[in-house]
């Protein structure tokens, strides 16, 4: 586990908090964007860790 891994998780948490804050979950487009961000972050974590 590198610091980069924790950094990505931290960034994801911030993004999630922002989305919750503005209640964008009501909008499907934002859900899709959030899923895409999450997916890309996970891919990045996997490629940098292994």
PDB file of N, CA and C in Angstrom:
ATOM      1  N   UNK A   1       0.842  -1.204   0.000  1.00  0.00           N
ATOM      2  CA  UNK A   1       0.000   0.000   0.000  1.00  0.00           C
ATOM      3  C   UNK A   1       0.881   1.259   0.000  1.00  0.00           C
ATOM      4  N   UNK A   2       0.758   2.015  -1.045  1.00  0.00           N
ATOM      5  CA  UNK A   2       1.547   3.246  -1.123  1.00  0.00           C
ATOM      6  C   UNK A   2       0.717   4.455  -0.704  1.00  0.00           C
ATOM      7  N   UNK A   3       1.400   5.568  -0.552  1.00  0.00           N
ATOM      8  CA  UNK A   3       0.694   6.805  -0.184  1.00  0.00           C
ATOM      9  C   UNK A   3      -0.260   7.203  -1.285  1.00  0.00           C
ATOM     10  N   UNK A   4       0.068   6.813  -2.542  1.00  0.00           N
ATOM     11  CA  UNK A   4      -0.774   7.142  -3.691  1.00  0.00           C
ATOM     12  C   UNK A   4      -2.153   6.490  -3.550  1.00  0.00           C
ATOM     13  N   UNK A   5      -2.144   5.250  -3.061  1.00  0.00           N
ATOM     14  CA  UNK A   5      -3.375   4.512  -2.845  1.00  0.00           C
ATOM     15  C   UNK A   5      -4.302   5.275  -1.884  1.00  0.00           C
ATOM     16  N   UNK A   6      -3.745   5.732  -0.774  1.00  0.00           N
ATOM     17  CA  UNK A   6      -4.516   6.480   0.216  1.00  0.00           C
ATOM     18  C   UNK A   6      -4.964   7.827  -0.330  1.00  0.00           C
ATOM     19  N   UNK A   7      -4.098   8.409  -1.153  1.00  0.00           N
ATOM     20  CA  UNK A   7      -4.424   9.694  -1.769  1.00  0.00           C
ATOM     21  C   UNK A   7      -5.647   9.560  -2.666  1.00  0.00           C
ATOM     22  N   UNK A   8      -5.708   8.498  -3.459  1.00  0.00           N
ATOM     23  CA  UNK A   8      -6.857   8.261  -4.339  1.00  0.00           C
ATOM     24  C   UNK A   8      -8.142   8.068  -3.531  1.00  0.00           C
ATOM     25  N   UNK A   9      -8.036   7.322  -2.453  1.00  0.00           N
ATOM     26  CA  UNK A   9      -9.202   7.101  -1.590  1.00  0.00           C
ATOM     27  C   UNK A   9      -9.674   8.422  -0.994  1.00  0.00           C
ATOM     28  N   UNK A  10      -8.710   9.221  -0.551  1.00  0.00           N
ATOM     29  CA  UNK A  10      -9.020  10.534   0.020  1.00  0.00           C
ATOM     30  C   UNK A  10      -9.721  11.420  -0.996  1.00  0.00           C
ATOM     31  N   UNK A  11      -9.228  11.431  -2.231  1.00  0.00           N
ATOM     32  CA  UNK A  11      -9.833  12.221  -3.297  1.00  0.00           C
ATOM     33  C   UNK A  11     -11.258  11.743  -3.592  1.00  0.00           C
ATOM     34  N   UNK A  12     -11.427  10.431  -3.616  1.00  0.00           N
ATOM     35  CA  UNK A  12     -12.754   9.866  -3.838  1.00  0.00           C
ATOM     36  C   UNK A  12     -13.729  10.293  -2.747  1.00  0.00           C
ATOM     37  N   UNK A  13     -13.268  10.287  -1.523  1.00  0.00           N
ATOM     38  CA  UNK A  13     -14.111  10.713  -0.402  1.00  0.00           C
ATOM     39  C   UNK A  13     -14.527  12.166  -0.547  1.00  0.00           C
ATOM     40  N   UNK A  14     -13.571  13.000  -0.961  1.00  0.00           N
ATOM     41  CA  UNK A  14     -13.878  14.421  -1.173  1.00  0.00           C
ATOM     42  C   UNK A  14     -14.907  14.599  -2.278  1.00  0.00           C
ATOM     43  N   UNK A  15     -14.733  13.867  -3.370  1.00  0.00           N
ATOM     44  CA  UNK A  15     -15.678  13.938  -4.490  1.00  0.00           C
ATOM     45  C   UNK A  15     -17.064  13.499  -4.029  1.00  0.00           C
ATOM     46  N   UNK A  16     -17.107  12.391  -3.300  1.00  0.00           N
ATOM     47  CA  UNK A  16     -18.390  11.885  -2.795  1.00  0.00           C
ATOM     48  C   UNK A  16     -19.073  12.900  -1.885  1.00  0.00           C
ATOM     49  N   UNK A  17     -18.294  13.515  -1.010  1.00  0.00           N
ATOM     50  CA  UNK A  17     -18.839  14.523  -0.099  1.00  0.00           C
ATOM     51  C   UNK A  17     -19.406  15.699  -0.871  1.00  0.00           C
ATOM     52  N   UNK A  18     -18.682  16.146  -1.898  1.00  0.00           N
ATOM     53  CA  UNK A  18     -19.143  17.263  -2.722  1.00  0.00           C
ATOM     54  C   UNK A  18     -20.457  16.919  -3.405  1.00  0.00           C
ATOM     55  N   UNK A  19     -20.528  15.706  -3.960  1.00  0.00           N
ATOM     56  CA  UNK A  19     -21.748  15.279  -4.641  1.00  0.00           C
ATOM     57  C   UNK A  19     -22.926  15.210  -3.676  1.00  0.00           C
ATOM     58  N   UNK A  20     -22.669  14.670  -2.505  1.00  0.00           N
ATOM     59  CA  UNK A  20     -23.728  14.573  -1.496  1.00  0.00           C
ATOM     60  C   UNK A  20     -24.183  15.962  -1.071  1.00  0.00           C
ATOM     61  N   UNK A  21     -23.196  16.834  -0.907  1.00  0.00           N
ATOM     62  CA  UNK A  21     -23.468  18.187  -0.457  1.00  0.00           C
ATOM     63  C   UNK A  21     -24.458  18.895  -1.380  1.00  0.00           C
ATOM     64  N   UNK A  22     -24.239  18.775  -2.680  1.00  0.00           N
ATOM     65  CA  UNK A  22     -25.104  19.453  -3.651  1.00  0.00           C
ATOM     66  C   UNK A  22     -26.265  18.580  -4.125  1.00  0.00           C
ATOM     67  N   UNK A  23     -26.336  17.361  -3.570  1.00  0.00           N
ATOM     68  CA  UNK A  23     -27.433  16.428  -3.878  1.00  0.00           C
ATOM     69  C   UNK A  23     -27.594  16.198  -5.372  1.00  0.00           C
ATOM     70  N   UNK A  24     -26.476  15.962  -6.026  1.00  0.00           N
ATOM     71  CA  UNK A  24     -26.501  15.686  -7.460  1.00  0.00           C
ATOM     72  C   UNK A  24     -26.964  14.265  -7.759  1.00  0.00           C
ATOM     73  N   UNK A  25     -27.136  13.471  -6.719  1.00  0.00           N
ATOM     74  CA  UNK A  25     -27.567  12.091  -6.922  1.00  0.00           C
ATOM     75  C   UNK A  25     -28.968  12.009  -7.511  1.00  0.00           C
ATOM     76  N   UNK A  26     -29.694  13.110  -7.456  1.00  0.00           N
ATOM     77  CA  UNK A  26     -31.020  13.156  -8.058  1.00  0.00           C
ATOM     78  C   UNK A  26     -30.930  13.121  -9.580  1.00  0.00           C
ATOM     79  N   UNK A  27     -29.761  13.497 -10.074  1.00  0.00           N
ATOM     80  CA  UNK A  27     -29.565  13.568 -11.511  1.00  0.00           C
ATOM     81  C   UNK A  27     -28.754  12.367 -12.001  1.00  0.00           C
ATOM     82  N   UNK A  28     -29.324  11.632 -12.948  1.00  0.00           N
ATOM     83  CA  UNK A  28     -28.693  10.417 -13.461  1.00  0.00           C
ATOM     84  C   UNK A  28     -27.333  10.698 -14.097  1.00  0.00           C
ATOM     85  N   UNK A  29     -27.221  11.814 -14.804  1.00  0.00           N
ATOM     86  CA  UNK A  29     -25.963  12.182 -15.462  1.00  0.00           C
ATOM     87  C   UNK A  29     -24.818  12.254 -14.457  1.00  0.00           C
ATOM     88  N   UNK A  30     -25.097  12.838 -13.313  1.00  0.00           N
ATOM     89  CA  UNK A  30     -24.071  12.979 -12.296  1.00  0.00           C
ATOM     90  C   UNK A  30     -23.690  11.637 -11.684  1.00  0.00           C
ATOM     91  N   UNK A  31     -24.677  10.747 -11.589  1.00  0.00           N
ATOM     92  CA  UNK A  31     -24.387   9.398 -11.094  1.00  0.00           C
ATOM     93  C   UNK A  31     -23.414   8.701 -12.042  1.00  0.00           C
ATOM     94  N   UNK A  32     -23.685   8.843 -13.324  1.00  0.00           N
ATOM     95  CA  UNK A  32     -22.832   8.221 -14.338  1.00  0.00           C
ATOM     96  C   UNK A  32     -21.421   8.810 -14.279  1.00  0.00           C
ATOM     97  N   UNK A  33     -21.328  10.118 -14.153  1.00  0.00           N
ATOM     98  CA  UNK A  33     -20.034  10.796 -14.044  1.00  0.00           C
ATOM     99  C   UNK A  33     -19.284  10.292 -12.809  1.00  0.00           C
ATOM    100  N   UNK A  34     -19.986  10.199 -11.696  1.00  0.00           N
ATOM    101  CA  UNK A  34     -19.370   9.735 -10.455  1.00  0.00           C
ATOM    102  C   UNK A  34     -18.863   8.296 -10.595  1.00  0.00           C
ATOM    103  N   UNK A  35     -19.673   7.442 -11.222  1.00  0.00           N
ATOM    104  CA  UNK A  35     -19.264   6.057 -11.449  1.00  0.00           C
ATOM    105  C   UNK A  35     -18.017   5.990 -12.324  1.00  0.00           C
ATOM    106  N   UNK A  36     -17.983   6.834 -13.333  1.00  0.00           N
ATOM    107  CA  UNK A  36     -16.838   6.874 -14.244  1.00  0.00           C
ATOM    108  C   UNK A  36     -15.570   7.330 -13.517  1.00  0.00           C
ATOM    109  N   UNK A  37     -15.715   8.360 -12.694  1.00  0.00           N
ATOM    110  CA  UNK A  37     -14.590   8.858 -11.887  1.00  0.00           C
ATOM    111  C   UNK A  37     -14.078   7.746 -10.974  1.00  0.00           C
ATOM    112  N   UNK A  38     -15.005   7.042 -10.340  1.00  0.00           N
ATOM    113  CA  UNK A  38     -14.646   5.957  -9.427  1.00  0.00           C
ATOM    114  C   UNK A  38     -13.921   4.845 -10.176  1.00  0.00           C
ATOM    115  N   UNK A  39     -14.472   4.490 -11.327  1.00  0.00           N
ATOM    116  CA  UNK A  39     -13.899   3.410 -12.135  1.00  0.00           C
ATOM    117  C   UNK A  39     -12.478   3.767 -12.586  1.00  0.00           C
ATOM    118  N   UNK A  40     -12.304   4.973 -13.055  1.00  0.00           N
ATOM    119  CA  UNK A  40     -10.991   5.439 -13.507  1.00  0.00           C
ATOM    120  C   UNK A  40      -9.990   5.473 -12.366  1.00  0.00           C
ATOM    121  N   UNK A  41     -10.437   5.914 -11.199  1.00  0.00           N
ATOM    122  CA  UNK A  41      -9.565   5.978 -10.028  1.00  0.00           C
ATOM    123  C   UNK A  41      -9.114   4.583  -9.607  1.00  0.00           C
ATOM    124  N   UNK A  42     -10.045   3.643  -9.630  1.00  0.00           N
ATOM    125  CA  UNK A  42      -9.721   2.266  -9.259  1.00  0.00           C
ATOM    126  C   UNK A  42      -8.719   1.680 -10.254  1.00  0.00           C
ATOM    127  N   UNK A  43      -8.940   1.934 -11.524  1.00  0.00           N
ATOM    128  CA  UNK A  43      -8.006   1.471 -12.548  1.00  0.00           C
ATOM    129  C   UNK A  43      -6.617   2.059 -12.329  1.00  0.00           C
ATOM    130  N   UNK A  44      -6.581   3.333 -12.016  1.00  0.00           N
ATOM    131  CA  UNK A  44      -5.309   4.013 -11.782  1.00  0.00           C
ATOM    132  C   UNK A  44      -4.597   3.420 -10.559  1.00  0.00           C
ATOM    133  N   UNK A  45      -5.353   3.159  -9.513  1.00  0.00           N
ATOM    134  CA  UNK A  45      -4.798   2.557  -8.294  1.00  0.00           C
ATOM    135  C   UNK A  45      -4.198   1.186  -8.628  1.00  0.00           C
ATOM    136  N   UNK A  46      -4.953   0.384  -9.359  1.00  0.00           N
ATOM    137  CA  UNK A  46      -4.495  -0.961  -9.705  1.00  0.00           C
ATOM    138  C   UNK A  46      -3.234  -0.926 -10.557  1.00  0.00           C
ATOM    139  N   UNK A  47      -3.193  -0.016 -11.520  1.00  0.00           N
ATOM    140  CA  UNK A  47      -2.031   0.040 -12.408  1.00  0.00           C
ATOM    141  C   UNK A  47      -0.798   0.600 -11.700  1.00  0.00           C
ATOM    142  N   UNK A  48      -0.996   1.472 -10.709  1.00  0.00           N
ATOM    143  CA  UNK A  48       0.161   2.038 -10.010  1.00  0.00           C
ATOM    144  C   UNK A  48       0.639   1.139  -8.873  1.00  0.00           C
ATOM    145  N   UNK A  49      -0.271   0.342  -8.309  1.00  0.00           N
ATOM    146  CA  UNK A  49       0.090  -0.493  -7.156  1.00  0.00           C
ATOM    147  C   UNK A  49       0.790  -1.778  -7.593  1.00  0.00           C
ATOM    148  N   UNK A  50       0.301  -2.376  -8.678  1.00  0.00           N
ATOM    149  CA  UNK A  50       0.829  -3.691  -9.079  1.00  0.00           C
ATOM    150  C   UNK A  50       1.808  -3.619 -10.242  1.00  0.00           C
TER     151      UNK A  50
END
